[in-house]
Amino acid sequence: MIRTFFIFLLVMLLISKASADPQTLRLATTTSFNNSGLSDVLLPAIKSDIGIDVQLLVVGTGQALRLGQAGDVDAILVHSREAEDVFIADGFGTHRREIMYNDFVLVGPSSDPANIKGAQRASEALVSIALSQSAFISRGDDSGTHKKELALWAVAGLRPNNFGNWYKAVGASMGSSLNSASGLDAYIMADRASWLKFKNKGSLALLFSGDAVLFNQYSYIPVNPEKHSHINADAADLLEKWLLSKRAKTFIDSYKIDDEALFIFNGSL
């Protein structure tokens, strides 16, 4: 009888410990989001509030989508609407939830040899850079930022594969690409959060922003468990609800560098 009681007590203790341990969720997200430092604020709050230990896989948007397709993550947080829509249409994601946004900016040498500071539109600024053949760093990594940059060149009627040596695709993260731009005194397109967080600015300055086409939306997409049965769909759903909560809004809207907000919350159920 005593032995049975102790076995029962041991089982109950194990169940209690398992329920107290945080769930693990694998989230593929972008280097721009991670470089911003916001993840360092959000992840501990998520673990404290809802018991989910979020493990980040920090990659470009293209790679994040491929990880979702393969079932290597439970959800993704990315910023490339066209690619996201294809991901969902192909059945790899259940739905898309907008969480927050910022914008892209054009950064370059403070001397501004292409004279983009006075441009009225992003396309005009890019044409000026191309005409002057001033050094330009492209991420070249199939990230959301890279996809956006290519789309903007297309709007300007230009194709990077026809450019000369002044255009350098480095195939790197946002932070590494900014380092390359700083070292070469080159122009680059970056998301505002990464630029504000970037420490190695050298002679670089923010030269152009404000065009509506530079809007940069971040969205959360749970991976479809019907494609991959091992996906932690419950944790993905719980995280989604937290990301859309007033508490998440407070963290996101109040996260600033030098008194400038890096993201603006725009999530809704």
Protein backbone atom coordinates (compact mmCIF):
# COMPACT_ATOMS: atom_id res chain seq x y z
CA MET A 1 0.00 0.00 0.00
CA ILE A 2 2.80 2.38 0.95
CA ARG A 3 4.72 1.46 -2.21
CA THR A 4 1.64 2.18 -4.34
CA PHE A 5 1.22 5.55 -2.65
CA PHE A 6 4.82 6.55 -3.36
CA ILE A 7 4.52 5.50 -7.01
CA PHE A 8 1.36 7.62 -7.30
CA LEU A 9 3.13 10.56 -5.65
CA LEU A 10 6.11 10.24 -8.03
CA VAL A 11 3.82 10.19 -11.07
CA MET A 12 1.99 13.29 -9.85
CA LEU A 13 5.27 15.11 -9.26
CA LEU A 14 6.44 14.28 -12.80
CA ILE A 15 3.15 15.51 -14.28
CA SER A 16 3.37 18.68 -12.22
CA LYS A 17 6.94 19.31 -13.38
CA ALA A 18 6.03 18.71 -17.03
CA SER A 19 3.15 21.17 -16.81
CA ALA A 20 5.40 23.75 -15.17
CA ASP A 21 8.12 23.42 -17.82
CA PRO A 22 7.74 25.86 -20.70
CA GLN A 23 6.67 24.65 -24.10
CA THR A 24 9.20 25.10 -26.87
CA LEU A 25 8.28 26.83 -30.11
CA ARG A 26 10.62 27.16 -33.08
CA LEU A 27 10.18 30.52 -34.80
CA ALA A 28 11.96 31.40 -38.03
CA THR A 29 12.41 35.14 -38.24
CA THR A 30 14.40 37.74 -40.09
CA THR A 31 17.84 39.12 -39.31
CA SER A 32 16.35 42.62 -39.39
CA PHE A 33 13.94 41.77 -36.58
CA ASN A 34 16.67 40.11 -34.55
CA ASN A 35 19.19 42.91 -35.20
CA SER A 36 16.72 45.43 -33.83
CA GLY A 37 17.04 44.01 -30.32
CA LEU A 38 13.27 43.76 -29.89
CA SER A 39 13.46 39.99 -29.57
CA ASP A 40 15.59 40.43 -26.43
CA VAL A 41 12.63 42.29 -24.91
CA LEU A 42 9.78 40.13 -26.18
CA LEU A 43 11.08 36.60 -25.61
CA PRO A 44 11.52 36.81 -21.81
CA ALA A 45 8.04 38.37 -21.50
CA ILE A 46 6.53 35.60 -23.64
CA LYS A 47 8.15 32.92 -21.49
CA SER A 48 7.01 34.62 -18.29
CA ASP A 49 3.44 35.30 -19.44
CA ILE A 50 2.46 32.15 -21.34
CA GLY A 51 5.22 29.63 -20.59
CA ILE A 52 6.55 29.35 -24.15
CA ASP A 53 10.28 29.16 -24.73
CA VAL A 54 10.67 30.68 -28.20
CA GLN A 55 13.71 29.38 -30.05
CA LEU A 56 14.63 31.75 -32.88
CA LEU A 57 16.07 30.63 -36.19
CA VAL A 58 17.41 33.90 -37.55
CA VAL A 59 17.54 33.88 -41.35
CA GLY A 60 16.31 35.90 -44.33
CA THR A 61 12.63 35.80 -45.25
CA GLY A 62 13.23 33.42 -48.16
CA GLN A 63 15.01 30.91 -45.93
CA ALA A 64 12.39 31.34 -43.19
CA LEU A 65 9.66 30.39 -45.67
CA ARG A 66 11.66 27.35 -46.79
CA LEU A 67 12.06 26.25 -43.16
CA GLY A 68 8.29 26.53 -42.79
CA GLN A 69 7.71 24.51 -45.95
CA ALA A 70 9.99 21.76 -44.64
CA GLY A 71 8.29 21.73 -41.23
CA ASP A 72 11.51 22.68 -39.47
CA VAL A 73 9.76 25.46 -37.52
CA ASP A 74 6.33 25.93 -35.95
CA ALA A 75 5.76 29.50 -37.16
CA ILE A 76 7.46 32.31 -39.04
CA LEU A 77 7.71 36.08 -38.54
CA VAL A 78 8.66 37.72 -41.84
CA HIS A 79 8.20 40.82 -44.01
CA SER A 80 7.55 40.08 -47.67
CA ARG A 81 3.83 40.14 -48.46
CA GLU A 82 3.96 38.58 -51.94
CA ALA A 83 6.07 35.63 -50.75
CA GLU A 84 3.86 35.22 -47.67
CA ASP A 85 0.73 35.03 -49.81
CA VAL A 86 2.29 32.31 -51.97
CA PHE A 87 3.33 30.38 -48.84
CA ILE A 88 -0.26 30.38 -47.58
CA ALA A 89 -1.82 29.72 -51.00
CA ASP A 90 0.40 26.64 -51.30
CA GLY A 91 -0.97 25.38 -47.99
CA PHE A 92 2.20 25.69 -45.91
CA GLY A 93 0.80 28.37 -43.60
CA THR A 94 -2.66 28.44 -42.02
CA HIS A 95 -3.12 32.22 -42.13
CA ARG A 96 -1.31 35.53 -41.84
CA ARG A 97 -1.50 38.01 -38.97
CA GLU A 98 -0.03 41.49 -39.22
CA ILE A 99 1.85 42.37 -36.03
CA MET A 100 3.89 45.55 -36.51
CA TYR A 101 5.57 47.71 -39.09
CA ASN A 102 8.36 50.17 -39.68
CA ASP A 103 9.87 51.38 -42.94
CA PHE A 104 12.84 51.00 -45.21
CA VAL A 105 15.34 53.83 -45.59
CA LEU A 106 18.14 54.64 -48.00
CA VAL A 107 21.46 55.16 -46.28
CA GLY A 108 24.66 56.37 -47.87
CA PRO A 109 27.80 58.51 -47.56
CA SER A 110 27.06 61.79 -45.81
CA SER A 111 28.65 63.55 -48.82
CA ASP A 112 25.79 62.03 -50.90
CA PRO A 113 27.60 61.79 -54.28
CA ALA A 114 24.37 60.65 -56.02
CA ASN A 115 22.44 63.59 -54.52
CA ILE A 116 19.51 61.48 -53.34
CA LYS A 117 18.69 63.60 -50.32
CA GLY A 118 16.49 65.89 -52.38
CA ALA A 119 14.65 63.08 -54.19
CA GLN A 120 10.86 63.06 -54.09
CA ARG A 121 10.42 59.30 -54.55
CA ALA A 122 12.43 56.17 -53.81
CA SER A 123 12.57 55.32 -57.53
CA GLU A 124 14.06 58.74 -58.25
CA ALA A 125 16.73 58.19 -55.60
CA LEU A 126 17.65 54.79 -57.04
CA VAL A 127 17.89 56.17 -60.57
CA SER A 128 20.26 58.88 -59.28
CA ILE A 129 22.47 56.23 -57.65
CA ALA A 130 22.54 54.17 -60.86
CA LEU A 131 23.32 57.17 -63.07
CA SER A 132 26.17 58.26 -60.81
CA GLN A 133 27.37 54.64 -60.49
CA SER A 134 28.00 55.27 -56.81
CA ALA A 135 28.85 52.16 -54.78
CA PHE A 136 25.71 50.34 -53.64
CA ILE A 137 25.52 47.33 -51.32
CA SER A 138 22.70 44.84 -51.83
CA ARG A 139 22.01 42.11 -49.30
CA GLY A 140 21.63 39.66 -52.19
CA ASP A 141 20.31 36.94 -49.87
CA ASP A 142 16.64 36.45 -50.81
CA SER A 143 15.60 38.19 -47.59
CA GLY A 144 12.52 40.39 -47.31
CA THR A 145 14.78 43.43 -47.56
CA HIS A 146 16.46 42.07 -50.68
CA LYS A 147 13.10 41.23 -52.29
CA LYS A 148 11.91 44.78 -51.58
CA GLU A 149 15.06 46.30 -53.00
CA LEU A 150 14.69 44.33 -56.24
CA ALA A 151 11.04 45.38 -56.49
CA LEU A 152 12.05 49.04 -56.13
CA TRP A 153 14.70 48.77 -58.85
CA ALA A 154 12.00 47.26 -61.10
CA VAL A 155 9.66 50.18 -60.37
CA ALA A 156 12.51 52.50 -61.36
CA GLY A 157 12.82 50.60 -64.66
CA LEU A 158 16.25 49.20 -63.80
CA ARG A 159 17.65 45.67 -63.53
CA PRO A 160 20.57 45.00 -61.15
CA ASN A 161 21.90 42.15 -63.30
CA ASN A 162 22.79 44.82 -65.88
CA PHE A 163 24.71 46.95 -63.40
CA GLY A 164 28.48 47.24 -63.25
CA ASN A 165 30.95 46.69 -60.43
CA TRP A 166 29.50 49.59 -58.45
CA TYR A 167 26.60 47.29 -57.43
CA LYS A 168 27.75 44.65 -54.95
CA ALA A 169 25.47 41.82 -53.78
CA VAL A 170 27.09 40.52 -50.60
CA GLY A 171 24.72 37.67 -49.67
CA ALA A 172 24.69 38.61 -46.00
CA SER A 173 22.50 39.63 -43.09
CA MET A 174 21.36 43.20 -42.55
CA GLY A 175 24.01 43.92 -39.94
CA SER A 176 26.84 42.47 -42.04
CA SER A 177 25.59 44.31 -45.13
CA LEU A 178 25.55 47.59 -43.21
CA ASN A 179 29.13 46.89 -42.13
CA SER A 180 30.09 46.42 -45.78
CA ALA A 181 28.39 49.69 -46.71
CA SER A 182 30.20 51.46 -43.90
CA GLY A 183 33.55 50.03 -44.94
CA LEU A 184 33.07 50.91 -48.63
CA ASP A 185 31.29 54.24 -48.01
CA ALA A 186 28.41 52.92 -50.12
CA TYR A 187 24.67 53.36 -50.41
CA ILE A 188 22.38 50.66 -49.03
CA MET A 189 18.70 50.08 -48.34
CA ALA A 190 17.99 49.02 -44.76
CA ASP A 191 15.04 48.72 -42.44
CA ARG A 192 14.86 51.62 -40.01
CA ALA A 193 15.19 49.42 -36.92
CA SER A 194 18.47 47.87 -38.06
CA TRP A 195 19.83 51.29 -39.02
CA LEU A 196 18.99 52.81 -35.64
CA LYS A 197 20.54 49.85 -33.82
CA PHE A 198 23.65 49.81 -36.02
CA LYS A 199 26.76 51.06 -34.20
CA ASN A 200 29.41 51.11 -36.95
CA LYS A 201 27.92 53.96 -38.96
CA GLY A 202 31.20 55.57 -39.98
CA SER A 203 30.41 58.35 -42.47
CA LEU A 204 27.01 56.85 -43.36
CA ALA A 205 23.84 58.86 -42.87
CA LEU A 206 20.13 58.34 -43.44
CA LEU A 207 19.56 60.22 -46.69
CA PHE A 208 16.10 59.25 -47.93
CA SER A 209 12.88 58.03 -46.30
CA GLY A 210 9.17 58.73 -46.19
CA ASP A 211 7.99 57.34 -49.53
CA ALA A 212 4.88 55.19 -49.01
CA VAL A 213 6.44 52.38 -51.06
CA LEU A 214 9.03 51.93 -48.28
CA PHE A 215 6.39 50.66 -45.83
CA ASN A 216 7.65 47.48 -44.11
CA GLN A 217 5.05 45.16 -42.59
CA TYR A 218 6.00 42.24 -40.31
CA SER A 219 3.55 39.32 -40.18
CA TYR A 220 3.21 36.12 -38.17
CA ILE A 221 2.27 32.88 -39.95
CA PRO A 222 1.70 29.54 -38.16
CA VAL A 223 2.94 26.54 -40.14
CA ASN A 224 0.11 24.24 -41.25
CA PRO A 225 -0.01 21.11 -39.04
CA GLU A 226 -1.85 19.28 -41.83
CA LYS A 227 1.42 19.42 -43.78
CA HIS A 228 3.57 18.43 -40.81
CA SER A 229 1.89 16.62 -37.92
CA HIS A 230 4.77 17.28 -35.51
CA ILE A 231 4.21 21.05 -35.59
CA ASN A 232 3.44 22.54 -32.17
CA ALA A 233 0.21 24.16 -33.35
CA ASP A 234 -1.11 24.81 -29.83
CA ALA A 235 1.98 26.81 -28.89
CA ALA A 236 1.86 28.67 -32.22
CA ASP A 237 -1.75 29.63 -31.55
CA LEU A 238 -0.96 30.74 -28.00
CA LEU A 239 1.98 32.84 -29.20
CA GLU A 240 -0.18 34.46 -31.87
CA LYS A 241 -2.73 35.54 -29.28
CA TRP A 242 0.04 37.01 -27.13
CA LEU A 243 1.58 38.89 -30.08
CA LEU A 244 -1.82 40.48 -30.75
CA SER A 245 -2.41 41.43 -27.11
CA LYS A 246 -2.30 44.83 -25.44
CA ARG A 247 0.76 43.69 -23.50
CA ALA A 248 2.65 42.97 -26.73
CA LYS A 249 1.54 46.34 -28.10
CA THR A 250 3.02 48.06 -25.04
CA PHE A 251 6.39 46.33 -25.49
CA ILE A 252 6.52 46.97 -29.25
CA ASP A 253 5.43 50.62 -29.21
CA SER A 254 7.65 51.54 -26.28
CA TYR A 255 10.83 49.97 -27.69
CA LYS A 256 13.01 52.91 -28.71
CA ILE A 257 16.58 53.88 -29.49
CA ASP A 258 17.59 57.50 -28.87
CA ASP A 259 13.91 58.23 -28.21
CA GLU A 260 12.88 56.99 -31.68
CA ALA A 261 10.45 54.08 -32.02
CA LEU A 262 11.74 51.12 -34.06
CA PHE A 263 8.34 49.49 -34.70
CA ILE A 264 4.67 50.41 -34.56
CA PHE A 265 2.15 47.78 -33.48
CA ASN A 266 -0.78 47.26 -35.85
CA GLY A 267 -1.99 43.77 -34.94
CA SER A 268 -5.63 42.80 -34.58
CA LEU A 269 -7.56 39.54 -34.22
